[in-house]
Amino acid sequence: MPRGFLQRRNTLWQALRTAEPGSADFEATLQELCALIGWDRARVLAGLGWPDPGQPEQERLQEDRDAQTQMDRRQ
């Protein structure tokens, strides 16, 4: 992956960890990260350690497989 992509991705993850959840800055950063890495909101929040308790396990597993397929295609 290009260095610029990795730097931007890491910067966005760090910004999410320090932003106030629910704030405009948090939501904008969350949307940008989702668009950059191709993950949906629930998956990014889970990556922060905030899993969506309402999402069934099978749905989460399918999203993981779909995301992995997308990442494999990019390489």
C-alpha atoms as a PDB file:
ATOM      1  CA  MET A   1       0.000   0.000   0.000  1.00  0.00           C
ATOM      2  CA  PRO A   2       1.217   3.519  -0.709  1.00  0.00           C
ATOM      3  CA  ARG A   3       2.873   5.316   2.193  1.00  0.00           C
ATOM      4  CA  GLY A   4       0.466   8.264   1.966  1.00  0.00           C
ATOM      5  CA  PHE A   5      -2.535   5.945   2.306  1.00  0.00           C
ATOM      6  CA  LEU A   6      -1.079   4.283   5.403  1.00  0.00           C
ATOM      7  CA  GLN A   7      -0.193   7.605   7.000  1.00  0.00           C
ATOM      8  CA  ARG A   8      -3.679   9.014   6.379  1.00  0.00           C
ATOM      9  CA  ARG A   9      -5.336   5.830   7.666  1.00  0.00           C
ATOM     10  CA  ASN A  10      -3.258   5.875  10.843  1.00  0.00           C
ATOM     11  CA  THR A  11      -3.905   9.580  11.379  1.00  0.00           C
ATOM     12  CA  LEU A  12      -7.658   9.030  11.099  1.00  0.00           C
ATOM     13  CA  TRP A  13      -7.605   6.102  13.538  1.00  0.00           C
ATOM     14  CA  GLN A  14      -5.661   8.227  16.033  1.00  0.00           C
ATOM     15  CA  ALA A  15      -8.063  11.138  15.585  1.00  0.00           C
ATOM     16  CA  LEU A  16     -11.013   8.850  16.333  1.00  0.00           C
ATOM     17  CA  ARG A  17      -9.355   7.598  19.501  1.00  0.00           C
ATOM     18  CA  THR A  18      -8.957  11.137  20.815  1.00  0.00           C
ATOM     19  CA  ALA A  19     -12.168  12.766  19.514  1.00  0.00           C
ATOM     20  CA  GLU A  20     -15.325  13.074  21.577  1.00  0.00           C
ATOM     21  CA  PRO A  21     -17.725  10.339  20.395  1.00  0.00           C
ATOM     22  CA  GLY A  22     -20.778  11.853  18.775  1.00  0.00           C
ATOM     23  CA  SER A  23     -19.094  15.200  18.101  1.00  0.00           C
ATOM     24  CA  ALA A  24     -19.136  16.671  14.596  1.00  0.00           C
ATOM     25  CA  ASP A  25     -15.363  16.124  14.342  1.00  0.00           C
ATOM     26  CA  PHE A  26     -15.717  12.478  15.382  1.00  0.00           C
ATOM     27  CA  GLU A  27     -18.487  11.840  12.850  1.00  0.00           C
ATOM     28  CA  ALA A  28     -16.600  13.529  10.012  1.00  0.00           C
ATOM     29  CA  THR A  29     -13.438  11.576  10.819  1.00  0.00           C
ATOM     30  CA  LEU A  30     -15.413   8.349  11.082  1.00  0.00           C
ATOM     31  CA  GLN A  31     -17.010   8.921   7.677  1.00  0.00           C
ATOM     32  CA  GLU A  32     -13.656   9.737   6.086  1.00  0.00           C
ATOM     33  CA  LEU A  33     -12.028   6.620   7.526  1.00  0.00           C
ATOM     34  CA  CYS A  34     -14.936   4.425   6.395  1.00  0.00           C
ATOM     35  CA  ALA A  35     -14.618   5.780   2.865  1.00  0.00           C
ATOM     36  CA  LEU A  36     -10.834   5.403   2.843  1.00  0.00           C
ATOM     37  CA  ILE A  37     -10.645   1.800   4.030  1.00  0.00           C
ATOM     38  CA  GLY A  38     -13.971   0.492   2.738  1.00  0.00           C
ATOM     39  CA  TRP A  39     -15.363  -0.496   6.132  1.00  0.00           C
ATOM     40  CA  ASP A  40     -18.822   0.314   7.411  1.00  0.00           C
ATOM     41  CA  ARG A  41     -19.457   2.330  10.577  1.00  0.00           C
ATOM     42  CA  ALA A  42     -20.074  -0.692  12.816  1.00  0.00           C
ATOM     43  CA  ARG A  43     -16.793  -2.304  11.816  1.00  0.00           C
ATOM     44  CA  VAL A  44     -14.756   0.841  12.453  1.00  0.00           C
ATOM     45  CA  LEU A  45     -16.433   1.285  15.843  1.00  0.00           C
ATOM     46  CA  ALA A  46     -15.646  -2.356  16.628  1.00  0.00           C
ATOM     47  CA  GLY A  47     -12.040  -1.614  15.682  1.00  0.00           C
ATOM     48  CA  LEU A  48     -12.086   1.033  18.388  1.00  0.00           C
ATOM     49  CA  GLY A  49     -13.375  -1.584  20.816  1.00  0.00           C
ATOM     50  CA  TRP A  50     -16.978  -0.444  20.585  1.00  0.00           C
ATOM     51  CA  PRO A  51     -18.813  -3.392  19.010  1.00  0.00           C
ATOM     52  CA  ASP A  52     -22.393  -2.918  17.903  1.00  0.00           C
ATOM     53  CA  PRO A  53     -24.300  -5.187  20.302  1.00  0.00           C
ATOM     54  CA  GLY A  54     -27.380  -5.180  18.076  1.00  0.00           C
ATOM     55  CA  GLN A  55     -25.639  -6.708  15.081  1.00  0.00           C
ATOM     56  CA  PRO A  56     -25.995 -10.501  14.766  1.00  0.00           C
ATOM     57  CA  GLU A  57     -22.755 -12.513  14.784  1.00  0.00           C
ATOM     58  CA  GLN A  58     -23.374 -14.024  11.342  1.00  0.00           C
ATOM     59  CA  GLU A  59     -23.793 -10.547   9.857  1.00  0.00           C
ATOM     60  CA  ARG A  60     -20.505  -9.435  11.435  1.00  0.00           C
ATOM     61  CA  LEU A  61     -18.729 -12.484  10.044  1.00  0.00           C
ATOM     62  CA  GLN A  62     -20.089 -11.819   6.549  1.00  0.00           C
ATOM     63  CA  GLU A  63     -18.948  -8.196   6.732  1.00  0.00           C
ATOM     64  CA  ASP A  64     -15.479  -9.391   7.754  1.00  0.00           C
ATOM     65  CA  ARG A  65     -15.340 -11.723   4.755  1.00  0.00           C
ATOM     66  CA  ASP A  66     -16.584  -8.999   2.405  1.00  0.00           C
ATOM     67  CA  ALA A  67     -14.019  -6.513   3.717  1.00  0.00           C
ATOM     68  CA  GLN A  68     -11.219  -9.041   3.345  1.00  0.00           C
ATOM     69  CA  THR A  69     -12.278  -9.717  -0.252  1.00  0.00           C
ATOM     70  CA  GLN A  70     -12.180  -5.975  -0.985  1.00  0.00           C
ATOM     71  CA  MET A  71      -8.728  -5.647   0.546  1.00  0.00           C
ATOM     72  CA  ASP A  72      -7.456  -8.636  -1.444  1.00  0.00           C
ATOM     73  CA  ARG A  73      -8.705  -7.055  -4.670  1.00  0.00           C
ATOM     74  CA  ARG A  74      -6.834  -3.816  -3.907  1.00  0.00           C
ATOM     75  CA  GLN A  75      -3.500  -5.565  -3.561  1.00  0.00           C
END
